[in-house]
Amino acid sequence: MQPVDIQIRNPGDRDYADMAEFILRITEDIWERKNIGLIYDCYSKDCPIHTLSGEVTGAEAVVRNTIKTLAGFPDRSMHADGLIIGGDRDSGFYSSHRISSHMTNLSRSDFGPATHVSADVVTIADCVIEDYAIIEEWLARDNLHFVQQLGLDPHAIAKSQARSEPDPASVTWRNEQIDRLRNLPPVEAPEYPENPVAEPRMFVSAVISDLWNHRNLSRASDAYARSCVLNVPPGIEVKGRGKVRRQLTKMVDNLIDTRVSVDHLCASFGQEDTLDLAIRWTVRGTHVDGGFGCKCNGAELLILGISHWRVGKSGIVEDWTVFDQLAILRQIYAQRSHAD
């Protein structure tokens, strides 16, 4: 599955060599050059942006949120760590863009008063693109690690956010996703392909199903190469299959009764016979006491995750997985407060 290379021109009359350049340049123009008005050209008026912390709709809302973020973090700089493109001109293009950002909290933000502390954060944005405009987006960000670096208490922030009146559109989207996952049919033990590069869809489905549906951590971790690297929230990096297995165990130990859905997969060939995969997935599960560092249990949780894997014949060589653990804490405290 090679990236599709086309000539496109957006409504702003800017030329791009291909879809990858389109994504990279609009990101740079909006965030680095502060050309925020370009968002009106690059997002549709009714574009839904799905995040675990809440739904956002339309270019105008994206403009407002961008200005708000830059007001709190005016020196934000960004680096494109990975970009995977799928789709075509007829069905629309799909991009999965992994970005690392560095910024200083110089004014009030969604997390509270200015801390005057610098921090780094990893984000993955998945976008559907038609006629040179983003018509739907899914956003995953390691917000827990971000607020920890700012010196803030993530549990205090999550409790405060949980007390706010929930947005109806966000509640509807979350409930729809949980109902969809609850109603998935039973899943049999998966089969693994002999060569993950040759059959990536089968490989991805097997690993993620073993991890979340069957809790077969041995088989899931064996899908990683011996000299692999895993990056997961909050800002954790481990190397080697043994450490990966322990980290995956810690991750799934936060929930019971889990069901997972692989919602999108796109791929492009990397170097030295490797394949770069962008995987968007959702998990529904029940929180267990102590999970995610929270001493209460029974909350029904939704996780929106996006993973970038570099896969070779020996398995997963590199894994960057992002989800918003701060938004997960918010779900836990919101349900606890309603129960009280």
C-alpha atoms as a PDB file:
ATOM      1  CA  MET A   1       0.000   0.000   0.000  1.00  0.00           C
ATOM      2  CA  GLN A   2       2.014   2.925  -1.312  1.00  0.00           C
ATOM      3  CA  PRO A   3       1.097   6.548  -0.509  1.00  0.00           C
ATOM      4  CA  VAL A   4      -0.882   8.151  -3.329  1.00  0.00           C
ATOM      5  CA  ASP A   5       0.914  11.054  -4.972  1.00  0.00           C
ATOM      6  CA  ILE A   6      -1.262  13.719  -6.626  1.00  0.00           C
ATOM      7  CA  GLN A   7      -1.153  17.395  -7.538  1.00  0.00           C
ATOM      8  CA  ILE A   8      -3.669  19.418  -5.526  1.00  0.00           C
ATOM      9  CA  ARG A   9      -4.564  23.069  -5.059  1.00  0.00           C
ATOM     10  CA  ASN A  10      -6.530  24.272  -2.047  1.00  0.00           C
ATOM     11  CA  PRO A  11      -8.960  27.222  -1.983  1.00  0.00           C
ATOM     12  CA  GLY A  12      -6.122  29.464  -0.787  1.00  0.00           C
ATOM     13  CA  ASP A  13      -4.472  28.944  -4.190  1.00  0.00           C
ATOM     14  CA  ARG A  14      -1.412  27.212  -2.729  1.00  0.00           C
ATOM     15  CA  ASP A  15       0.403  24.499  -4.683  1.00  0.00           C
ATOM     16  CA  TYR A  16       1.408  21.219  -3.057  1.00  0.00           C
ATOM     17  CA  ALA A  17       3.445  18.371  -4.487  1.00  0.00           C
ATOM     18  CA  ASP A  18       1.306  15.707  -2.799  1.00  0.00           C
ATOM     19  CA  MET A  19      -1.050  15.092   0.111  1.00  0.00           C
ATOM     20  CA  ALA A  20       1.819  14.712   2.576  1.00  0.00           C
ATOM     21  CA  GLU A  21       3.087  18.198   1.727  1.00  0.00           C
ATOM     22  CA  PHE A  22      -0.445  19.555   2.090  1.00  0.00           C
ATOM     23  CA  ILE A  23      -0.714  18.250   5.679  1.00  0.00           C
ATOM     24  CA  LEU A  24       2.795  19.295   6.680  1.00  0.00           C
ATOM     25  CA  ARG A  25       2.564  22.795   5.229  1.00  0.00           C
ATOM     26  CA  ILE A  26      -0.863  23.713   6.570  1.00  0.00           C
ATOM     27  CA  THR A  27       0.251  22.522  10.031  1.00  0.00           C
ATOM     28  CA  GLU A  28       3.354  24.689   9.829  1.00  0.00           C
ATOM     29  CA  ASP A  29       1.456  27.693   8.459  1.00  0.00           C
ATOM     30  CA  ILE A  30      -1.252  27.543  11.130  1.00  0.00           C
ATOM     31  CA  TRP A  31       0.857  26.790  14.195  1.00  0.00           C
ATOM     32  CA  GLU A  32       4.366  28.057  13.414  1.00  0.00           C
ATOM     33  CA  ARG A  33       3.523  31.034  11.193  1.00  0.00           C
ATOM     34  CA  LYS A  34       0.288  31.768  13.121  1.00  0.00           C
ATOM     35  CA  ASN A  35      -1.780  31.973   9.909  1.00  0.00           C
ATOM     36  CA  ILE A  36      -4.857  30.881  11.835  1.00  0.00           C
ATOM     37  CA  GLY A  37      -7.252  32.101   9.142  1.00  0.00           C
ATOM     38  CA  LEU A  38      -5.988  29.301   6.895  1.00  0.00           C
ATOM     39  CA  ILE A  39      -8.174  26.973   8.987  1.00  0.00           C
ATOM     40  CA  TYR A  40     -11.240  28.355   7.181  1.00  0.00           C
ATOM     41  CA  ASP A  41      -9.787  26.983   3.933  1.00  0.00           C
ATOM     42  CA  CYS A  42      -8.556  23.686   5.340  1.00  0.00           C
ATOM     43  CA  TYR A  43     -11.535  22.589   7.495  1.00  0.00           C
ATOM     44  CA  SER A  44     -15.133  22.243   6.361  1.00  0.00           C
ATOM     45  CA  LYS A  45     -17.726  24.378   8.134  1.00  0.00           C
ATOM     46  CA  ASP A  46     -19.357  21.337   9.752  1.00  0.00           C
ATOM     47  CA  CYS A  47     -16.237  19.203  10.276  1.00  0.00           C
ATOM     48  CA  PRO A  48     -16.571  17.014  13.424  1.00  0.00           C
ATOM     49  CA  ILE A  49     -13.424  16.709  15.544  1.00  0.00           C
ATOM     50  CA  HIS A  50     -13.604  13.724  17.890  1.00  0.00           C
ATOM     51  CA  THR A  51     -11.579  13.835  21.100  1.00  0.00           C
ATOM     52  CA  LEU A  52     -11.983  11.966  24.352  1.00  0.00           C
ATOM     53  CA  SER A  53     -12.254  15.290  26.193  1.00  0.00           C
ATOM     54  CA  GLY A  54     -15.156  16.501  24.036  1.00  0.00           C
ATOM     55  CA  GLU A  55     -16.590  16.966  20.561  1.00  0.00           C
ATOM     56  CA  VAL A  56     -15.778  20.020  18.445  1.00  0.00           C
ATOM     57  CA  THR A  57     -17.632  20.922  15.243  1.00  0.00           C
ATOM     58  CA  GLY A  58     -16.638  23.141  12.359  1.00  0.00           C
ATOM     59  CA  ALA A  59     -13.837  25.401  11.192  1.00  0.00           C
ATOM     60  CA  GLU A  60     -14.964  28.281  13.414  1.00  0.00           C
ATOM     61  CA  ALA A  61     -14.604  26.146  16.558  1.00  0.00           C
ATOM     62  CA  VAL A  62     -11.141  25.019  15.413  1.00  0.00           C
ATOM     63  CA  VAL A  63     -10.127  28.666  14.973  1.00  0.00           C
ATOM     64  CA  ARG A  64     -11.361  29.569  18.466  1.00  0.00           C
ATOM     65  CA  ASN A  65      -9.566  26.619  20.076  1.00  0.00           C
ATOM     66  CA  THR A  66      -6.343  27.360  18.195  1.00  0.00           C
ATOM     67  CA  ILE A  67      -6.350  30.992  19.332  1.00  0.00           C
ATOM     68  CA  LYS A  68      -7.102  29.905  22.904  1.00  0.00           C
ATOM     69  CA  THR A  69      -4.211  27.431  22.882  1.00  0.00           C
ATOM     70  CA  LEU A  70      -1.769  29.988  21.468  1.00  0.00           C
ATOM     71  CA  ALA A  71      -2.891  32.560  24.035  1.00  0.00           C
ATOM     72  CA  GLY A  72      -1.883  30.191  26.824  1.00  0.00           C
ATOM     73  CA  PHE A  73       1.192  28.800  25.038  1.00  0.00           C
ATOM     74  CA  PRO A  74       2.353  31.500  22.580  1.00  0.00           C
ATOM     75  CA  ASP A  75       5.759  29.952  21.848  1.00  0.00           C
ATOM     76  CA  ARG A  76       4.389  26.583  20.781  1.00  0.00           C
ATOM     77  CA  SER A  77       6.693  24.874  18.290  1.00  0.00           C
ATOM     78  CA  MET A  78       5.938  21.621  16.510  1.00  0.00           C
ATOM     79  CA  HIS A  79       7.855  18.799  14.865  1.00  0.00           C
ATOM     80  CA  ALA A  80       6.386  16.231  12.495  1.00  0.00           C
ATOM     81  CA  ASP A  81       7.564  12.858  13.836  1.00  0.00           C
ATOM     82  CA  GLY A  82       5.482  10.694  11.528  1.00  0.00           C
ATOM     83  CA  LEU A  83       2.962  11.003   8.722  1.00  0.00           C
ATOM     84  CA  ILE A  84       1.078   8.106   7.119  1.00  0.00           C
ATOM     85  CA  ILE A  85      -1.218   8.729   4.153  1.00  0.00           C
ATOM     86  CA  GLY A  86      -3.943   6.454   2.786  1.00  0.00           C
ATOM     87  CA  GLY A  87      -6.896   6.680   0.431  1.00  0.00           C
ATOM     88  CA  ASP A  88      -7.256   8.139  -3.054  1.00  0.00           C
ATOM     89  CA  ARG A  89      -8.888  10.909  -5.043  1.00  0.00           C
ATOM     90  CA  ASP A  90     -12.201   9.064  -5.486  1.00  0.00           C
ATOM     91  CA  SER A  91     -12.823   7.860  -1.921  1.00  0.00           C
ATOM     92  CA  GLY A  92     -10.985  10.671  -0.134  1.00  0.00           C
ATOM     93  CA  PHE A  93      -7.610  10.778   1.541  1.00  0.00           C
ATOM     94  CA  TYR A  94      -6.760   9.778   5.089  1.00  0.00           C
ATOM     95  CA  SER A  95      -3.800  11.189   6.976  1.00  0.00           C
ATOM     96  CA  SER A  96      -2.392  10.207  10.370  1.00  0.00           C
ATOM     97  CA  HIS A  97       0.033  12.858  11.622  1.00  0.00           C
ATOM     98  CA  ARG A  98       2.177  12.333  14.729  1.00  0.00           C
ATOM     99  CA  ILE A  99       3.467  15.584  16.179  1.00  0.00           C
ATOM    100  CA  SER A 100       5.687  16.486  19.123  1.00  0.00           C
ATOM    101  CA  SER A 101       5.179  19.993  20.503  1.00  0.00           C
ATOM    102  CA  HIS A 102       7.215  22.134  22.877  1.00  0.00           C
ATOM    103  CA  MET A 103       5.611  25.126  24.608  1.00  0.00           C
ATOM    104  CA  THR A 104       5.668  27.371  27.657  1.00  0.00           C
ATOM    105  CA  ASN A 105       2.554  28.108  29.717  1.00  0.00           C
ATOM    106  CA  LEU A 106       2.670  31.936  29.804  1.00  0.00           C
ATOM    107  CA  SER A 107      -1.021  32.672  30.321  1.00  0.00           C
ATOM    108  CA  ARG A 108      -4.172  31.004  31.608  1.00  0.00           C
ATOM    109  CA  SER A 109      -5.236  27.836  29.775  1.00  0.00           C
ATOM    110  CA  ASP A 110      -7.829  25.076  30.069  1.00  0.00           C
ATOM    111  CA  PHE A 111      -5.643  23.599  32.810  1.00  0.00           C
ATOM    112  CA  GLY A 112      -5.631  26.714  35.033  1.00  0.00           C
ATOM    113  CA  PRO A 113      -3.447  29.778  35.695  1.00  0.00           C
ATOM    114  CA  ALA A 114      -0.084  30.219  33.986  1.00  0.00           C
ATOM    115  CA  THR A 115       2.742  28.119  35.414  1.00  0.00           C
ATOM    116  CA  HIS A 116       5.561  29.713  33.338  1.00  0.00           C
ATOM    117  CA  VAL A 117       6.906  26.188  32.851  1.00  0.00           C
ATOM    118  CA  SER A 118       7.826  24.569  29.517  1.00  0.00           C
ATOM    119  CA  ALA A 119       6.561  21.127  28.539  1.00  0.00           C
ATOM    120  CA  ASP A 120       6.449  18.681  25.638  1.00  0.00           C
ATOM    121  CA  VAL A 121       3.423  16.773  24.390  1.00  0.00           C
ATOM    122  CA  VAL A 122       2.767  14.126  21.727  1.00  0.00           C
ATOM    123  CA  THR A 123      -0.365  14.312  19.571  1.00  0.00           C
ATOM    124  CA  ILE A 124      -1.668  12.148  16.741  1.00  0.00           C
ATOM    125  CA  ALA A 125      -4.298  13.648  14.428  1.00  0.00           C
ATOM    126  CA  ASP A 126      -6.211  11.436  11.990  1.00  0.00           C
ATOM    127  CA  CYS A 127      -7.994  13.354   9.213  1.00  0.00           C
ATOM    128  CA  VAL A 128     -10.330  12.550   6.338  1.00  0.00           C
ATOM    129  CA  ILE A 129      -9.653  14.954   3.467  1.00  0.00           C
ATOM    130  CA  GLU A 130     -11.878  15.713   0.470  1.00  0.00           C
ATOM    131  CA  ASP A 131     -11.499  18.572  -2.017  1.00  0.00           C
ATOM    132  CA  TYR A 132      -8.492  19.881  -0.127  1.00  0.00           C
ATOM    133  CA  ALA A 133     -10.441  20.279   3.115  1.00  0.00           C
ATOM    134  CA  ILE A 134     -10.513  18.214   6.326  1.00  0.00           C
ATOM    135  CA  ILE A 135     -14.060  16.924   6.731  1.00  0.00           C
ATOM    136  CA  GLU A 136     -13.553  14.766   9.849  1.00  0.00           C
ATOM    137  CA  GLU A 137     -10.796  14.453  12.449  1.00  0.00           C
ATOM    138  CA  TRP A 138      -9.903  12.242  15.413  1.00  0.00           C
ATOM    139  CA  LEU A 139      -7.413  13.682  17.903  1.00  0.00           C
ATOM    140  CA  ALA A 140      -5.432  11.857  20.615  1.00  0.00           C
ATOM    141  CA  ARG A 141      -3.063  13.753  22.923  1.00  0.00           C
ATOM    142  CA  ASP A 142      -0.981  12.715  25.944  1.00  0.00           C
ATOM    143  CA  ASN A 143      -2.490  15.408  28.175  1.00  0.00           C
ATOM    144  CA  LEU A 144      -1.698  13.646  31.452  1.00  0.00           C
ATOM    145  CA  HIS A 145       2.035  13.761  30.799  1.00  0.00           C
ATOM    146  CA  PHE A 146       1.687  17.356  29.641  1.00  0.00           C
ATOM    147  CA  VAL A 147       0.060  18.656  32.857  1.00  0.00           C
ATOM    148  CA  GLN A 148       2.490  16.628  34.973  1.00  0.00           C
ATOM    149  CA  GLN A 149       5.387  18.478  33.320  1.00  0.00           C
ATOM    150  CA  LEU A 150       3.636  21.783  34.023  1.00  0.00           C
ATOM    151  CA  GLY A 151       3.716  20.871  37.711  1.00  0.00           C
ATOM    152  CA  LEU A 152      -0.067  20.499  37.969  1.00  0.00           C
ATOM    153  CA  ASP A 153      -2.149  17.810  39.685  1.00  0.00           C
ATOM    154  CA  PRO A 154      -3.976  15.850  36.958  1.00  0.00           C
ATOM    155  CA  HIS A 155      -6.506  14.446  39.435  1.00  0.00           C
ATOM    156  CA  ALA A 156      -7.436  17.936  40.628  1.00  0.00           C
ATOM    157  CA  ILE A 157      -7.835  19.086  37.014  1.00  0.00           C
ATOM    158  CA  ALA A 158      -9.927  16.019  36.109  1.00  0.00           C
ATOM    159  CA  LYS A 159     -12.184  16.526  39.149  1.00  0.00           C
ATOM    160  CA  SER A 160     -12.673  20.186  38.257  1.00  0.00           C
ATOM    161  CA  GLN A 161     -13.477  19.344  34.627  1.00  0.00           C
ATOM    162  CA  ALA A 162     -15.859  16.570  35.745  1.00  0.00           C
ATOM    163  CA  ARG A 163     -17.941  19.099  37.690  1.00  0.00           C
ATOM    164  CA  SER A 164     -18.633  21.163  34.564  1.00  0.00           C
ATOM    165  CA  GLU A 165     -21.845  20.657  32.619  1.00  0.00           C
ATOM    166  CA  PRO A 166     -21.178  18.048  29.892  1.00  0.00           C
ATOM    167  CA  ASP A 167     -21.589  19.131  26.288  1.00  0.00           C
ATOM    168  CA  PRO A 168     -24.628  17.319  24.770  1.00  0.00           C
ATOM    169  CA  ALA A 169     -22.811  16.504  21.518  1.00  0.00           C
ATOM    170  CA  SER A 170     -19.902  14.975  23.455  1.00  0.00           C
ATOM    171  CA  VAL A 171     -22.258  12.892  25.606  1.00  0.00           C
ATOM    172  CA  THR A 172     -24.083  11.650  22.507  1.00  0.00           C
ATOM    173  CA  TRP A 173     -20.858  10.675  20.725  1.00  0.00           C
ATOM    174  CA  ARG A 174     -19.475   8.889  23.803  1.00  0.00           C
ATOM    175  CA  ASN A 175     -22.704   6.969  24.375  1.00  0.00           C
ATOM    176  CA  GLU A 176     -22.878   5.953  20.726  1.00  0.00           C
ATOM    177  CA  GLN A 177     -19.325   4.625  20.846  1.00  0.00           C
ATOM    178  CA  ILE A 178     -19.900   2.689  24.082  1.00  0.00           C
ATOM    179  CA  ASP A 179     -23.127   1.166  22.729  1.00  0.00           C
ATOM    180  CA  ARG A 180     -21.337   0.158  19.532  1.00  0.00           C
ATOM    181  CA  LEU A 181     -18.585  -1.589  21.475  1.00  0.00           C
ATOM    182  CA  ARG A 182     -21.007  -3.266  23.892  1.00  0.00           C
ATOM    183  CA  ASN A 183     -22.905  -4.764  20.973  1.00  0.00           C
ATOM    184  CA  LEU A 184     -19.925  -6.220  19.142  1.00  0.00           C
ATOM    185  CA  PRO A 185     -20.295  -9.968  18.517  1.00  0.00           C
ATOM    186  CA  PRO A 186     -18.075 -12.434  20.401  1.00  0.00           C
ATOM    187  CA  VAL A 187     -14.536 -12.650  19.047  1.00  0.00           C
ATOM    188  CA  GLU A 188     -12.680 -15.919  18.553  1.00  0.00           C
ATOM    189  CA  ALA A 189      -8.978 -16.283  19.306  1.00  0.00           C
ATOM    190  CA  PRO A 190      -7.150 -14.569  16.421  1.00  0.00           C
ATOM    191  CA  GLU A 191      -4.730 -16.075  13.941  1.00  0.00           C
ATOM    192  CA  TYR A 192      -1.414 -14.418  13.143  1.00  0.00           C
ATOM    193  CA  PRO A 193       0.047 -14.186   9.621  1.00  0.00           C
ATOM    194  CA  GLU A 194       3.477 -15.626   8.915  1.00  0.00           C
ATOM    195  CA  ASN A 195       4.651 -12.267   7.570  1.00  0.00           C
ATOM    196  CA  PRO A 196       3.131  -9.137   9.202  1.00  0.00           C
ATOM    197  CA  VAL A 197       4.345  -6.928   6.349  1.00  0.00           C
ATOM    198  CA  ALA A 198       2.467  -9.020   3.779  1.00  0.00           C
ATOM    199  CA  GLU A 199      -0.805  -9.145   5.762  1.00  0.00           C
ATOM    200  CA  PRO A 200      -0.916  -6.045   7.985  1.00  0.00           C
ATOM    201  CA  ARG A 201      -4.686  -6.013   8.557  1.00  0.00           C
ATOM    202  CA  MET A 202      -4.705  -9.570   9.860  1.00  0.00           C
ATOM    203  CA  PHE A 203      -1.652  -8.841  12.016  1.00  0.00           C
ATOM    204  CA  VAL A 204      -3.086  -5.653  13.568  1.00  0.00           C
ATOM    205  CA  SER A 205      -6.431  -7.310  14.318  1.00  0.00           C
ATOM    206  CA  ALA A 206      -4.698 -10.263  15.983  1.00  0.00           C
ATOM    207  CA  VAL A 207      -2.419  -8.190  18.222  1.00  0.00           C
ATOM    208  CA  ILE A 208      -5.063  -5.719  19.381  1.00  0.00           C
ATOM    209  CA  SER A 209      -7.689  -8.416  19.909  1.00  0.00           C
ATOM    210  CA  ASP A 210      -5.275 -10.559  21.930  1.00  0.00           C
ATOM    211  CA  LEU A 211      -4.374  -7.512  24.015  1.00  0.00           C
ATOM    212  CA  TRP A 212      -7.827  -6.146  24.827  1.00  0.00           C
ATOM    213  CA  ASN A 213     -10.387  -8.885  24.097  1.00  0.00           C
ATOM    214  CA  HIS A 214      -8.526 -12.013  25.208  1.00  0.00           C
ATOM    215  CA  ARG A 215      -5.844 -10.682  27.581  1.00  0.00           C
ATOM    216  CA  ASN A 216      -3.361 -13.006  25.921  1.00  0.00           C
ATOM    217  CA  LEU A 217      -0.415 -10.814  26.832  1.00  0.00           C
ATOM    218  CA  SER A 218       2.105 -13.472  25.940  1.00  0.00           C
ATOM    219  CA  ARG A 219       1.019 -13.695  22.314  1.00  0.00           C
ATOM    220  CA  ALA A 220       0.471  -9.934  22.026  1.00  0.00           C
ATOM    221  CA  SER A 221       3.965  -9.112  23.316  1.00  0.00           C
ATOM    222  CA  ASP A 222       5.513 -11.858  21.170  1.00  0.00           C
ATOM    223  CA  ALA A 223       4.256  -9.845  18.185  1.00  0.00           C
ATOM    224  CA  TYR A 224       6.958  -7.286  19.014  1.00  0.00           C
ATOM    225  CA  ALA A 225      10.500  -7.681  17.718  1.00  0.00           C
ATOM    226  CA  ARG A 226      13.103  -8.528  20.356  1.00  0.00           C
ATOM    227  CA  SER A 227      14.789  -5.129  20.009  1.00  0.00           C
ATOM    228  CA  CYS A 228      11.566  -3.112  19.920  1.00  0.00           C
ATOM    229  CA  VAL A 229      10.695   0.318  21.332  1.00  0.00           C
ATOM    230  CA  LEU A 230       7.305   1.149  22.887  1.00  0.00           C
ATOM    231  CA  ASN A 231       6.032   4.658  23.695  1.00  0.00           C
ATOM    232  CA  VAL A 232       2.758   4.958  25.657  1.00  0.00           C
ATOM    233  CA  PRO A 233       1.106   7.538  27.960  1.00  0.00           C
ATOM    234  CA  PRO A 234       2.021   9.172  30.195  1.00  0.00           C
ATOM    235  CA  GLY A 235       5.321   9.825  28.416  1.00  0.00           C
ATOM    236  CA  ILE A 236       6.681   6.315  28.974  1.00  0.00           C
ATOM    237  CA  GLU A 237       9.304   4.680  26.737  1.00  0.00           C
ATOM    238  CA  VAL A 238      10.500   1.099  27.177  1.00  0.00           C
ATOM    239  CA  LYS A 239      12.827  -1.035  25.083  1.00  0.00           C
ATOM    240  CA  GLY A 240      12.920  -4.787  24.592  1.00  0.00           C
ATOM    241  CA  ARG A 241      10.186  -7.403  24.458  1.00  0.00           C
ATOM    242  CA  GLY A 242      10.280  -8.221  28.178  1.00  0.00           C
ATOM    243  CA  LYS A 243       9.752  -4.609  29.241  1.00  0.00           C
ATOM    244  CA  VAL A 244       7.084  -4.182  26.564  1.00  0.00           C
ATOM    245  CA  ARG A 245       5.170  -7.134  28.015  1.00  0.00           C
ATOM    246  CA  ARG A 246       5.278  -5.621  31.497  1.00  0.00           C
ATOM    247  CA  GLN A 247       4.114  -2.236  30.206  1.00  0.00           C
ATOM    248  CA  LEU A 248       1.262  -3.733  28.199  1.00  0.00           C
ATOM    249  CA  THR A 249       0.196  -5.662  31.298  1.00  0.00           C
ATOM    250  CA  LYS A 250       0.077  -2.449  33.322  1.00  0.00           C
ATOM    251  CA  MET A 251      -1.989  -0.781  30.602  1.00  0.00           C
ATOM    252  CA  VAL A 252      -4.717  -3.422  30.318  1.00  0.00           C
ATOM    253  CA  ASP A 253      -4.772  -3.979  34.092  1.00  0.00           C
ATOM    254  CA  ASN A 254      -6.643  -0.664  34.455  1.00  0.00           C
ATOM    255  CA  LEU A 255      -9.852  -2.169  33.059  1.00  0.00           C
ATOM    256  CA  ILE A 256     -11.943  -5.333  33.067  1.00  0.00           C
ATOM    257  CA  ASP A 257     -14.671  -6.544  30.701  1.00  0.00           C
ATOM    258  CA  THR A 258     -13.012  -4.805  27.750  1.00  0.00           C
ATOM    259  CA  ARG A 259     -14.048  -4.825  24.108  1.00  0.00           C
ATOM    260  CA  VAL A 260     -11.965  -3.266  21.361  1.00  0.00           C
ATOM    261  CA  SER A 261     -12.651  -2.137  17.830  1.00  0.00           C
ATOM    262  CA  VAL A 262     -10.033  -1.380  15.171  1.00  0.00           C
ATOM    263  CA  ASP A 263     -11.768   1.518  13.432  1.00  0.00           C
ATOM    264  CA  HIS A 264      -9.234   2.437  10.770  1.00  0.00           C
ATOM    265  CA  LEU A 265      -5.947   1.218   9.366  1.00  0.00           C
ATOM    266  CA  CYS A 266      -3.724   2.753   6.724  1.00  0.00           C
ATOM    267  CA  ALA A 267      -0.173   1.912   5.767  1.00  0.00           C
ATOM    268  CA  SER A 268       2.822   3.029   3.755  1.00  0.00           C
ATOM    269  CA  PHE A 269       6.100   1.315   3.023  1.00  0.00           C
ATOM    270  CA  GLY A 270       9.043   2.423   5.131  1.00  0.00           C
ATOM    271  CA  GLN A 271      12.727   1.679   4.778  1.00  0.00           C
ATOM    272  CA  GLU A 272      14.424  -1.726   4.701  1.00  0.00           C
ATOM    273  CA  ASP A 273      11.268  -3.798   4.019  1.00  0.00           C
ATOM    274  CA  THR A 274       9.285  -2.284   6.870  1.00  0.00           C
ATOM    275  CA  LEU A 275       5.705  -1.059   6.870  1.00  0.00           C
ATOM    276  CA  ASP A 276       4.463   2.038   8.710  1.00  0.00           C
ATOM    277  CA  LEU A 277       0.941   1.537  10.068  1.00  0.00           C
ATOM    278  CA  ALA A 278      -1.530   4.075  11.455  1.00  0.00           C
ATOM    279  CA  ILE A 279      -4.161   2.354  13.594  1.00  0.00           C
ATOM    280  CA  ARG A 280      -7.159   4.083  15.167  1.00  0.00           C
ATOM    281  CA  TRP A 281      -8.942   2.025  17.815  1.00  0.00           C
ATOM    282  CA  THR A 282     -11.500   2.365  20.598  1.00  0.00           C
ATOM    283  CA  VAL A 283     -11.877   0.387  23.825  1.00  0.00           C
ATOM    284  CA  ARG A 284     -14.811   0.130  26.190  1.00  0.00           C
ATOM    285  CA  GLY A 285     -14.212  -1.277  29.677  1.00  0.00           C
ATOM    286  CA  THR A 286     -15.013  -1.081  33.378  1.00  0.00           C
ATOM    287  CA  HIS A 287     -12.566   0.751  35.625  1.00  0.00           C
ATOM    288  CA  VAL A 288     -10.974  -1.284  38.440  1.00  0.00           C
ATOM    289  CA  ASP A 289      -9.913   0.128  41.794  1.00  0.00           C
ATOM    290  CA  GLY A 290      -6.477   1.713  41.485  1.00  0.00           C
ATOM    291  CA  GLY A 291      -6.568   1.713  37.696  1.00  0.00           C
ATOM    292  CA  PHE A 292      -5.127   4.873  36.117  1.00  0.00           C
ATOM    293  CA  GLY A 293      -3.991   5.840  39.613  1.00  0.00           C
ATOM    294  CA  CYS A 294      -7.556   6.425  40.771  1.00  0.00           C
ATOM    295  CA  LYS A 295      -8.945   4.896  43.970  1.00  0.00           C
ATOM    296  CA  CYS A 296     -12.491   4.278  42.822  1.00  0.00           C
ATOM    297  CA  ASN A 297     -13.987   1.689  40.509  1.00  0.00           C
ATOM    298  CA  GLY A 298     -17.007   0.670  38.471  1.00  0.00           C
ATOM    299  CA  ALA A 299     -16.994   3.542  35.960  1.00  0.00           C
ATOM    300  CA  GLU A 300     -17.708   2.602  32.350  1.00  0.00           C
ATOM    301  CA  LEU A 301     -14.885   4.066  30.291  1.00  0.00           C
ATOM    302  CA  LEU A 302     -14.226   4.810  26.658  1.00  0.00           C
ATOM    303  CA  ILE A 303     -10.692   5.127  25.286  1.00  0.00           C
ATOM    304  CA  LEU A 304      -9.912   6.625  21.897  1.00  0.00           C
ATOM    305  CA  GLY A 305      -6.420   5.546  20.899  1.00  0.00           C
ATOM    306  CA  ILE A 306      -4.221   6.038  17.858  1.00  0.00           C
ATOM    307  CA  SER A 307      -1.072   4.001  17.278  1.00  0.00           C
ATOM    308  CA  HIS A 308       1.784   4.286  14.811  1.00  0.00           C
ATOM    309  CA  TRP A 309       3.610   1.002  14.330  1.00  0.00           C
ATOM    310  CA  ARG A 310       6.720   0.300  12.301  1.00  0.00           C
ATOM    311  CA  VAL A 311       6.466  -3.361  11.389  1.00  0.00           C
ATOM    312  CA  GLY A 312       9.039  -5.735   9.931  1.00  0.00           C
ATOM    313  CA  LYS A 313       8.990  -9.474   9.273  1.00  0.00           C
ATOM    314  CA  SER A 314       9.989 -10.056  12.913  1.00  0.00           C
ATOM    315  CA  GLY A 315       7.025  -8.027  14.206  1.00  0.00           C
ATOM    316  CA  ILE A 316       6.532  -4.559  15.665  1.00  0.00           C
ATOM    317  CA  VAL A 317       9.847  -2.712  15.718  1.00  0.00           C
ATOM    318  CA  GLU A 318       8.554   0.632  17.010  1.00  0.00           C
ATOM    319  CA  ASP A 319       5.197   1.523  18.616  1.00  0.00           C
ATOM    320  CA  TRP A 320       3.967   5.052  19.383  1.00  0.00           C
ATOM    321  CA  THR A 321       0.559   4.850  21.056  1.00  0.00           C
ATOM    322  CA  VAL A 322      -1.336   7.939  22.220  1.00  0.00           C
ATOM    323  CA  PHE A 323      -4.541   8.359  24.229  1.00  0.00           C
ATOM    324  CA  ASP A 324      -5.776  11.044  26.623  1.00  0.00           C
ATOM    325  CA  GLN A 325      -5.455   9.653  30.140  1.00  0.00           C
ATOM    326  CA  LEU A 326      -6.530  12.994  31.640  1.00  0.00           C
ATOM    327  CA  ALA A 327      -9.863  12.650  29.835  1.00  0.00           C
ATOM    328  CA  ILE A 328     -10.126   9.083  31.163  1.00  0.00           C
ATOM    329  CA  LEU A 329      -9.747  10.408  34.734  1.00  0.00           C
ATOM    330  CA  ARG A 330     -12.436  12.967  33.950  1.00  0.00           C
ATOM    331  CA  GLN A 331     -14.823  10.137  32.992  1.00  0.00           C
ATOM    332  CA  ILE A 332     -14.073   8.313  36.251  1.00  0.00           C
ATOM    333  CA  TYR A 333     -14.679  11.356  38.476  1.00  0.00           C
ATOM    334  CA  ALA A 334     -17.774  12.432  36.531  1.00  0.00           C
ATOM    335  CA  GLN A 335     -19.428   9.044  37.039  1.00  0.00           C
ATOM    336  CA  ARG A 336     -18.412   8.936  40.674  1.00  0.00           C
ATOM    337  CA  SER A 337     -19.903  12.382  41.323  1.00  0.00           C
ATOM    338  CA  HIS A 338     -23.154  11.375  39.629  1.00  0.00           C
ATOM    339  CA  ALA A 339     -23.272   8.238  41.765  1.00  0.00           C
ATOM    340  CA  ASP A 340     -22.787  10.353  44.897  1.00  0.00           C
END
